[in-house]
Protein backbone atom coordinates (compact mmCIF):
# COMPACT_ATOMS: atom_id res chain seq x y z
CA UNK A 1 72.02 94.18 133.21
CA UNK A 2 71.58 96.68 130.25
CA UNK A 3 74.81 98.75 131.25
CA UNK A 4 76.85 95.48 131.39
CA UNK A 5 75.67 94.64 127.74
CA UNK A 6 76.62 98.19 126.75
CA UNK A 7 79.79 97.97 127.96
CA UNK A 8 80.43 94.41 126.13
CA UNK A 9 79.41 95.77 123.04
CA UNK A 10 81.77 98.66 123.55
CA UNK A 11 84.57 96.55 124.28
CA UNK A 12 83.78 93.96 121.10
CA UNK A 13 83.82 97.32 118.86
CA UNK A 14 86.97 98.49 120.01
CA UNK A 15 88.48 94.61 119.61
CA UNK A 16 87.20 94.67 116.02
CA UNK A 17 88.59 97.86 115.05
CA UNK A 18 91.72 97.29 116.65
CA UNK A 19 92.08 93.93 114.84
CA UNK A 20 90.95 95.78 111.60
CA UNK A 21 93.97 98.20 112.04
CA UNK A 22 96.50 95.56 112.38
CA UNK A 23 95.47 94.08 109.09
CA UNK A 24 97.48 94.61 105.81
CA UNK A 25 96.15 96.53 102.80
CA UNK A 26 95.63 94.66 99.86
CA UNK A 27 98.00 95.71 96.96
CA UNK A 28 96.64 96.17 93.60
CA UNK A 29 95.91 93.90 91.04
CA UNK A 30 98.88 95.24 88.94
CA UNK A 31 101.11 95.40 91.63
CA UNK A 32 100.47 91.75 92.36
CA UNK A 33 100.97 90.45 88.86
CA UNK A 34 104.44 92.43 88.39
CA UNK A 35 105.83 90.73 91.63
CA UNK A 36 104.57 87.26 90.74
CA UNK A 37 106.46 87.77 87.06
CA UNK A 38 109.39 88.91 88.89
CA UNK A 39 109.23 85.68 91.12
CA UNK A 40 108.41 83.40 87.99
CA UNK A 41 111.61 84.48 86.28
CA UNK A 42 113.75 82.92 89.14
CA UNK A 43 114.34 79.27 89.48
CA UNK A 44 113.84 78.82 93.36
CA UNK A 45 114.90 75.78 95.26
CA UNK A 46 115.22 77.05 98.44
CA UNK A 47 112.07 79.16 99.17
CA UNK A 48 113.15 82.81 98.94
CA UNK A 49 110.01 83.70 96.86
CA UNK A 50 107.77 80.78 99.09
CA UNK A 51 105.29 83.42 100.57
CA UNK A 52 104.56 85.13 97.05
CA UNK A 53 102.09 82.54 95.52
CA UNK A 54 99.13 82.93 93.35
CA UNK A 55 96.55 81.67 95.76
CA UNK A 56 97.78 84.73 98.15
CA UNK A 57 95.63 87.50 96.80
CA UNK A 58 97.28 90.34 98.91
CA UNK A 59 100.90 90.86 97.90
CA UNK A 60 101.50 93.34 100.92
CA UNK A 61 101.96 90.24 102.89
CA UNK A 62 104.55 88.64 100.86
CA UNK A 63 107.91 88.28 102.60
CA UNK A 64 110.01 91.16 101.86
CA UNK A 65 106.99 93.60 100.42
CA UNK A 66 106.36 96.70 102.18
CA UNK A 67 102.97 98.45 101.37
CA UNK A 68 101.51 102.25 102.36
CA UNK A 69 98.73 101.51 104.61
CA UNK A 70 96.40 104.08 103.04
CA UNK A 71 96.11 102.21 99.84
CA UNK A 72 98.62 99.22 99.56
CA UNK A 73 100.99 100.66 97.18
CA UNK A 74 104.14 98.70 96.84
CA UNK A 75 106.77 101.41 98.59
CA UNK A 76 109.91 98.91 99.11
CA UNK A 77 111.04 95.44 98.08
CA UNK A 78 113.91 93.62 100.59
CA UNK A 79 114.64 90.22 98.90
CA UNK A 80 117.46 88.69 100.77
CA UNK A 81 118.57 84.88 99.58
CA UNK A 82 121.23 82.89 101.19
CA UNK A 83 124.98 83.26 100.84
CA UNK A 84 125.58 79.47 101.02
CA UNK A 85 127.11 77.85 97.94
CA UNK A 86 124.65 77.11 95.25
CA UNK A 87 121.47 78.26 97.37
CA UNK A 88 120.69 81.26 95.88
CA UNK A 89 117.45 81.74 92.95
CA UNK A 90 118.90 81.84 89.75
CA UNK A 91 117.35 83.55 86.54
CA UNK A 92 115.16 81.15 84.51
CA UNK A 93 116.74 80.69 81.14
CA UNK A 94 113.41 81.03 79.44
CA UNK A 95 113.97 84.97 80.34
CA UNK A 96 116.27 86.84 78.49
CA UNK A 97 116.60 89.27 81.62
CA UNK A 98 114.74 89.67 84.68
CA UNK A 99 113.21 92.69 86.63
CA UNK A 100 112.52 94.81 83.61
CA UNK A 101 108.88 94.96 85.09
CA UNK A 102 109.55 96.29 88.39
CA UNK A 103 109.34 99.76 86.65
CA UNK A 104 105.71 99.40 86.82
CA UNK A 105 105.97 99.75 90.56
CA UNK A 106 105.05 103.36 90.33
CA UNK A 107 105.12 104.08 94.04
CA UNK A 108 108.23 102.02 94.82
CA UNK A 109 110.74 103.94 96.86
CA UNK A 110 113.64 101.31 98.03
CA UNK A 111 115.00 98.42 95.98
CA UNK A 112 117.05 95.66 97.86
CA UNK A 113 117.83 92.68 96.27
CA UNK A 114 120.83 90.37 97.55
CA UNK A 115 121.71 87.15 97.02
CA UNK A 116 119.50 86.62 93.97
CA UNK A 117 120.97 85.92 90.98
CA UNK A 118 119.95 87.88 88.05
CA UNK A 119 122.92 86.08 85.63
CA UNK A 120 122.77 89.59 83.30
CA UNK A 121 122.76 93.10 82.72
CA UNK A 122 121.07 95.42 84.73
CA UNK A 123 117.62 96.24 82.82
CA UNK A 124 117.66 99.06 80.37
CA UNK A 125 113.82 99.70 81.50
CA UNK A 126 115.15 100.87 84.77
CA UNK A 127 115.86 104.58 83.40
CA UNK A 128 111.99 104.59 83.57
CA UNK A 129 111.81 103.96 87.24
CA UNK A 130 109.31 106.70 88.90
CA UNK A 131 110.41 109.73 90.38
CA UNK A 132 109.47 108.04 93.85
CA UNK A 133 112.45 105.94 93.54
CA UNK A 134 115.43 106.79 96.04
CA UNK A 135 117.45 103.70 96.89
CA UNK A 136 118.65 100.92 94.52
CA UNK A 137 121.04 98.25 96.47
CA UNK A 138 121.47 95.01 94.25
CA UNK A 139 124.41 93.03 95.80
CA UNK A 140 125.95 89.66 95.00
CA UNK A 141 123.35 89.03 92.14
CA UNK A 142 126.10 88.15 89.25
CA UNK A 143 125.04 91.48 87.32
CA UNK A 144 126.92 91.92 84.42
CA UNK A 145 127.84 94.10 81.39
CA UNK A 146 127.96 98.00 81.98
CA UNK A 147 125.73 100.02 83.86
CA UNK A 148 123.26 101.38 81.91
CA UNK A 149 123.73 105.30 81.59
CA UNK A 150 119.72 105.83 81.73
CA UNK A 151 119.69 104.85 85.26
CA UNK A 152 120.68 108.55 85.71
CA UNK A 153 117.17 109.39 84.32
CA UNK A 154 115.93 108.32 87.89
CA UNK A 155 116.26 111.90 89.05
CA UNK A 156 115.08 111.27 92.87
CA UNK A 157 117.52 108.71 93.06
CA UNK A 158 119.96 109.01 96.32
CA UNK A 159 121.81 106.02 96.62
CA UNK A 160 123.07 103.32 93.95
CA UNK A 161 124.78 100.38 95.65
CA UNK A 162 125.60 97.65 93.19
CA UNK A 163 128.66 96.18 95.17
CA UNK A 164 129.88 92.65 94.82
CA UNK A 165 128.61 92.03 91.37
CA UNK A 166 130.26 91.51 87.75
CA UNK A 167 129.76 94.70 86.30
CA UNK A 168 132.43 96.05 83.34
CA UNK A 169 132.79 99.46 81.99
CA UNK A 170 132.67 102.75 84.27
CA UNK A 171 130.56 104.85 86.40
CA UNK A 172 128.17 106.51 83.36
CA UNK A 173 129.05 110.25 82.93
CA UNK A 174 125.35 110.77 83.04
CA UNK A 175 125.38 110.75 86.55
CA UNK A 176 127.36 114.18 86.66
CA UNK A 177 124.69 116.20 86.49
CA UNK A 178 122.13 114.36 88.72
CA UNK A 179 120.65 116.54 91.04
CA UNK A 180 120.04 113.83 93.75
CA UNK A 181 122.16 111.13 94.08
CA UNK A 182 125.00 111.11 96.95
CA UNK A 183 126.23 107.65 97.00
CA UNK A 184 127.45 105.31 94.60
CA UNK A 185 129.11 101.70 95.35
CA UNK A 186 130.51 100.06 92.79
CA UNK A 187 133.14 98.10 94.84
CA UNK A 188 134.14 94.62 94.21
CA UNK A 189 133.34 93.96 90.43
CA UNK A 190 135.04 93.75 87.09
CA UNK A 191 135.20 97.19 86.25
CA UNK A 192 137.97 97.98 83.69
CA UNK A 193 138.04 101.66 82.58
CA UNK A 194 138.66 104.80 84.15
CA UNK A 195 136.12 104.03 86.64
CA UNK A 196 135.32 107.65 87.87
CA UNK A 197 134.40 110.15 85.29
CA UNK A 198 136.27 113.22 85.55
CA UNK A 199 133.33 115.31 86.21
CA UNK A 200 132.12 113.22 89.02
CA UNK A 201 135.73 113.94 90.64
CA UNK A 202 134.96 117.75 91.73
CA UNK A 203 131.30 116.97 92.75
CA UNK A 204 130.66 117.84 96.17
CA UNK A 205 128.79 116.05 98.39
CA UNK A 206 128.94 112.66 96.58
CA UNK A 207 131.00 109.46 98.42
CA UNK A 208 131.98 107.13 95.52
CA UNK A 209 133.23 103.41 96.63
CA UNK A 210 134.89 101.82 94.14
CA UNK A 211 137.73 99.59 95.10
CA UNK A 212 138.54 95.69 95.21
CA UNK A 213 137.60 95.44 91.51
CA UNK A 214 138.35 91.99 90.24
CA UNK A 215 137.63 90.38 93.62
CA UNK A 216 133.69 90.12 93.94
CA UNK A 217 132.16 87.59 96.35
CA UNK A 218 129.20 87.21 94.06
CA UNK A 219 128.55 84.12 92.28
CA UNK A 220 129.76 83.89 88.57
CA UNK A 221 132.50 84.42 86.73
CA UNK A 222 134.77 87.49 86.22
CA UNK A 223 133.02 90.06 83.46
CA UNK A 224 134.60 89.88 80.06
CA UNK A 225 137.62 91.59 79.52
CA UNK A 226 138.46 92.45 83.14
CA UNK A 227 142.35 93.03 83.53
CA UNK A 228 142.20 96.23 86.04
CA UNK A 229 142.36 95.36 89.71
CA UNK A 230 141.82 99.10 91.91
CA UNK A 231 143.32 98.44 95.24
CA UNK A 232 141.98 101.97 96.76
CA UNK A 233 138.88 101.13 98.86
CA UNK A 234 137.11 104.56 99.05
CA UNK A 235 136.63 107.85 97.03
CA UNK A 236 135.08 110.64 99.27
CA UNK A 237 134.78 113.34 96.46
CA UNK A 238 133.78 116.37 98.72
CA UNK A 239 135.68 118.63 95.67
CA UNK A 240 138.41 116.30 95.24
CA UNK A 241 139.61 112.68 95.34
CA UNK A 242 141.19 111.78 98.77
CA UNK A 243 142.65 108.37 98.07
CA UNK A 244 145.00 106.86 95.26
CA UNK A 245 144.52 104.39 92.53
CA UNK A 246 146.68 101.44 92.37
CA UNK A 247 146.60 99.81 88.90
CA UNK A 248 147.96 96.43 88.87
């Protein structure tokens, strides 16, 4: 009997440990507050942020949030809305801009937001993202205005994907001396200047995709002053531009 009891006790301990190992670590109160503020900046009639609620203390369990198991630090955000007409969360007009506070996620490595409408510019504060951030993907989000030049301050950034928005202007020349950036996609926007700075055209090991300007699939109207259509689709800047531009 004693042997059987010991075996049962050991099995119970193993089961408890296994279950505990599957539980998500709690995120910090600071990260949770930042995410709730981001959620509250949108009118969300379709429930994209439905799991992000004030009654759930652990933001590591929220849809689209990935945390580090050792301490619950938020590492990745992947928020994807619906492409169906008029089914996207959109900026609450009581907020002049959205997403500024995300720079407070000091361990964030990847930021991916699609079909969630910013209806405004990329926050200028994003230039202050921590050196952990390597990936920014914001698509079909009705981003507007020029790309902030201080995004180049994110020295760890490797990939910048801003396709399918209503951005104007050109790729900032501040990226020319960036040490790690190897991929830029600004296709399907409303950019209307010389899109690729000369200093980037001779760069090695960077892919720049910039075609189909004026053909955005993002909700929202074309950016003000958009008059240029770029009909090429890809620049592979490995020392030289390999495709031609057609200005219409």
